[in-house]
Amino acid sequence: MKTLLLLISHGLMLALGFAAGIYALPLLTQPEPPTAAAMAEHSREAVYAGVLRRELAGSDALHWGEGKVTLAARSIALQGRLAPGPDYKLYLSPDFVETEAQFEAIKSRTLRIGDVTTFDGFLLSVPPDVDISQYTTVVIWCEAFGQFISAARYQ
C-alpha cells in the first residue's frame, strides 16, 4: 500500500511539474518585446484596429488575450498582453471566431502570418503579397495544442 501511495504521489508531482514547465518555458525563453520606437512607427502607419478581450467564449483563465491590435499594410501589433503558452500563431480570418470549433471550421480559409513569441505585446511583419483588407479578424491560436487563445475583429 505504501508503495502504491508513493507511486501515485510521485506521479502527480511529475504531472504537475510537467504542466508548470509548459506554462513557464515560454515566459523564460521569450525574446524582448518590441521597442516603444518600433511600436510608435507602426502606429503611425496603422489603418485598422481591433480589441482582444478576455471574455470571449473560447477564452478561459489560461488562454486569453487583451489589448489593442493594430494593422498596417506591412505589420500587425498588439499593445496588450497574452496568456503565456507555447507555439502561438497569428492568423488572419475572413470571419470573426471566438471558439476552437469555429476556428477549426474555417482554418482552411485563414492565413497564417507568423509566430507570436512575446506575451507583453508583439509586432509581426506581414508578407508583401498579403492584402490585410481581404480579411476581417486577427486570431491568436496555439498550434501545438489546438487551443483558441483570442481574436479581434478589425473591420
Protein backbone atom coordinates (compact mmCIF):
# COMPACT_ATOMS: atom_id res chain seq x y z
CA MET A 1 0.00 0.00 0.00
CA LYS A 2 2.82 2.40 0.87
CA THR A 3 4.48 1.73 -2.49
CA LEU A 4 1.24 2.47 -4.32
CA LEU A 5 0.79 5.76 -2.47
CA LEU A 6 4.38 6.74 -3.27
CA LEU A 7 3.85 5.94 -6.96
CA ILE A 8 0.64 7.97 -7.06
CA SER A 9 2.11 10.95 -5.21
CA HIS A 10 5.28 10.98 -7.32
CA GLY A 11 3.24 10.58 -10.49
CA LEU A 12 1.06 13.54 -9.54
CA MET A 13 4.09 15.68 -8.77
CA LEU A 14 5.66 14.71 -12.10
CA ALA A 15 2.47 15.70 -13.93
CA LEU A 16 2.28 18.98 -12.01
CA GLY A 17 5.92 19.76 -12.78
CA PHE A 18 5.39 18.99 -16.46
CA ALA A 19 2.34 21.29 -16.61
CA ALA A 20 4.25 24.07 -14.83
CA GLY A 21 7.10 23.67 -17.30
CA ILE A 22 4.77 24.01 -20.28
CA TYR A 23 3.43 27.23 -18.76
CA ALA A 24 6.78 28.68 -17.62
CA LEU A 25 9.10 27.77 -20.51
CA PRO A 26 7.62 30.27 -22.99
CA LEU A 27 8.00 33.02 -20.37
CA LEU A 28 11.63 32.12 -19.76
CA THR A 29 12.57 31.86 -23.43
CA GLN A 30 10.59 34.72 -24.95
CA PRO A 31 12.59 37.41 -26.75
CA GLU A 32 12.38 41.06 -25.79
CA PRO A 33 9.04 42.70 -26.68
CA PRO A 34 9.05 45.33 -29.43
CA THR A 35 10.60 48.66 -28.60
CA ALA A 36 8.48 51.75 -28.00
CA ALA A 37 10.00 53.33 -31.11
CA ALA A 38 9.03 50.36 -33.30
CA MET A 39 5.50 50.38 -31.89
CA ALA A 40 5.18 54.14 -32.45
CA GLU A 41 6.31 53.80 -36.07
CA HIS A 42 3.81 51.00 -36.62
CA SER A 43 1.01 53.05 -35.00
CA ARG A 44 1.61 55.92 -37.44
CA GLU A 45 1.10 53.51 -40.36
CA ALA A 46 -1.84 51.55 -38.92
CA VAL A 47 -5.05 51.54 -40.95
CA TYR A 48 -7.15 49.09 -38.89
CA ALA A 49 -7.63 48.41 -35.18
CA GLY A 50 -9.43 45.85 -33.05
CA VAL A 51 -9.59 44.78 -29.42
CA LEU A 52 -8.65 41.42 -27.87
CA ARG A 53 -10.97 40.70 -24.94
CA ARG A 54 -10.67 38.09 -22.17
CA GLU A 55 -14.37 37.29 -22.11
CA LEU A 56 -14.66 35.57 -25.49
CA ALA A 57 -16.49 32.23 -25.43
CA GLY A 58 -13.37 30.21 -26.27
CA SER A 59 -11.04 32.02 -23.89
CA ASP A 60 -10.53 30.87 -20.30
CA ALA A 61 -8.27 31.51 -17.30
CA LEU A 62 -5.22 30.01 -19.06
CA HIS A 63 -5.96 31.03 -22.67
CA TRP A 64 -6.72 34.70 -23.21
CA GLY A 65 -5.60 37.95 -24.76
CA GLU A 66 -6.34 41.57 -24.01
CA GLY A 67 -5.37 44.84 -25.60
CA LYS A 68 -5.46 46.80 -28.84
CA VAL A 69 -4.43 45.14 -32.10
CA THR A 70 -3.42 47.47 -34.91
CA LEU A 71 -2.77 46.54 -38.51
CA ALA A 72 -0.72 48.36 -41.12
CA ALA A 73 -0.07 47.16 -44.65
CA ARG A 74 3.22 45.50 -43.60
CA SER A 75 2.87 44.87 -39.86
CA ILE A 76 0.49 43.79 -37.10
CA ALA A 77 0.98 44.81 -33.47
CA LEU A 78 -0.56 44.13 -30.09
CA GLN A 79 -0.38 46.70 -27.35
CA GLY A 80 -1.54 44.46 -24.56
CA ARG A 81 -0.95 41.01 -23.13
CA LEU A 82 -1.45 37.35 -23.89
CA ALA A 83 -1.56 34.43 -21.51
CA PRO A 84 1.81 32.73 -21.95
CA GLY A 85 1.94 29.49 -23.86
CA PRO A 86 3.84 27.55 -26.48
CA ASP A 87 3.56 27.69 -30.24
CA TYR A 88 1.23 30.68 -30.64
CA LYS A 89 0.43 31.70 -34.21
CA LEU A 90 -1.29 34.77 -35.58
CA TYR A 91 -3.86 34.15 -38.31
CA LEU A 92 -5.96 36.49 -40.42
CA SER A 93 -9.51 35.25 -40.85
CA PRO A 94 -12.31 36.30 -43.20
CA ASP A 95 -14.82 35.72 -40.36
CA PHE A 96 -14.88 36.53 -36.67
CA VAL A 97 -14.47 33.43 -34.50
CA GLU A 98 -14.31 33.03 -30.74
CA THR A 99 -14.04 29.29 -30.14
CA GLU A 100 -11.83 26.38 -31.17
CA ALA A 101 -14.65 24.74 -33.12
CA GLN A 102 -15.40 27.92 -35.06
CA PHE A 103 -11.73 28.43 -35.93
CA GLU A 104 -11.19 24.82 -36.96
CA ALA A 105 -14.25 25.03 -39.23
CA ILE A 106 -12.73 27.93 -41.21
CA LYS A 107 -8.99 27.32 -40.72
CA SER A 108 -8.54 26.37 -44.39
CA ARG A 109 -9.71 29.89 -45.34
CA THR A 110 -7.39 31.68 -42.90
CA LEU A 111 -3.88 32.91 -43.49
CA ARG A 112 -1.09 32.29 -41.01
CA ILE A 113 1.02 35.42 -40.64
CA GLY A 114 3.64 34.24 -38.17
CA ASP A 115 4.77 33.13 -34.74
CA VAL A 116 3.82 35.07 -31.62
CA THR A 117 6.75 34.70 -29.23
CA THR A 118 6.24 37.62 -26.84
CA PHE A 119 3.35 37.95 -24.41
CA ASP A 120 3.61 41.63 -23.42
CA GLY A 121 2.83 42.94 -26.87
CA PHE A 122 4.13 41.90 -30.26
CA LEU A 123 4.99 43.29 -33.65
CA LEU A 124 4.85 40.92 -36.63
CA SER A 125 5.70 41.56 -40.26
CA VAL A 126 3.05 40.96 -42.89
CA PRO A 127 4.39 39.27 -46.05
CA PRO A 128 4.48 41.63 -49.07
CA ASP A 129 1.93 39.60 -51.04
CA VAL A 130 -0.76 39.75 -48.29
CA ASP A 131 -3.64 42.24 -48.52
CA ILE A 132 -4.96 42.67 -44.97
CA SER A 133 -8.15 44.29 -46.31
CA GLN A 134 -9.22 40.85 -47.60
CA TYR A 135 -9.70 39.66 -44.00
CA THR A 136 -11.68 40.95 -41.03
CA THR A 137 -10.24 39.32 -37.94
CA VAL A 138 -6.97 38.57 -36.17
CA VAL A 139 -6.89 35.20 -34.39
CA ILE A 140 -4.27 34.02 -31.87
CA TRP A 141 -4.10 30.22 -31.88
CA CYS A 142 -1.92 27.69 -30.06
CA GLU A 143 -0.88 25.31 -32.81
CA ALA A 144 0.70 22.69 -30.53
CA PHE A 145 -2.45 22.09 -28.50
CA GLY A 146 -5.13 23.22 -30.96
CA GLN A 147 -6.27 25.84 -28.46
CA PHE A 148 -8.09 29.10 -29.19
CA ILE A 149 -6.44 32.00 -27.36
CA SER A 150 -8.19 35.16 -28.55
CA ALA A 151 -9.49 37.09 -31.55
CA ALA A 152 -10.23 40.67 -32.57
CA ARG A 153 -12.39 41.92 -35.41
CA TYR A 154 -10.66 44.84 -37.13
CA GLN A 155 -13.13 45.56 -39.93
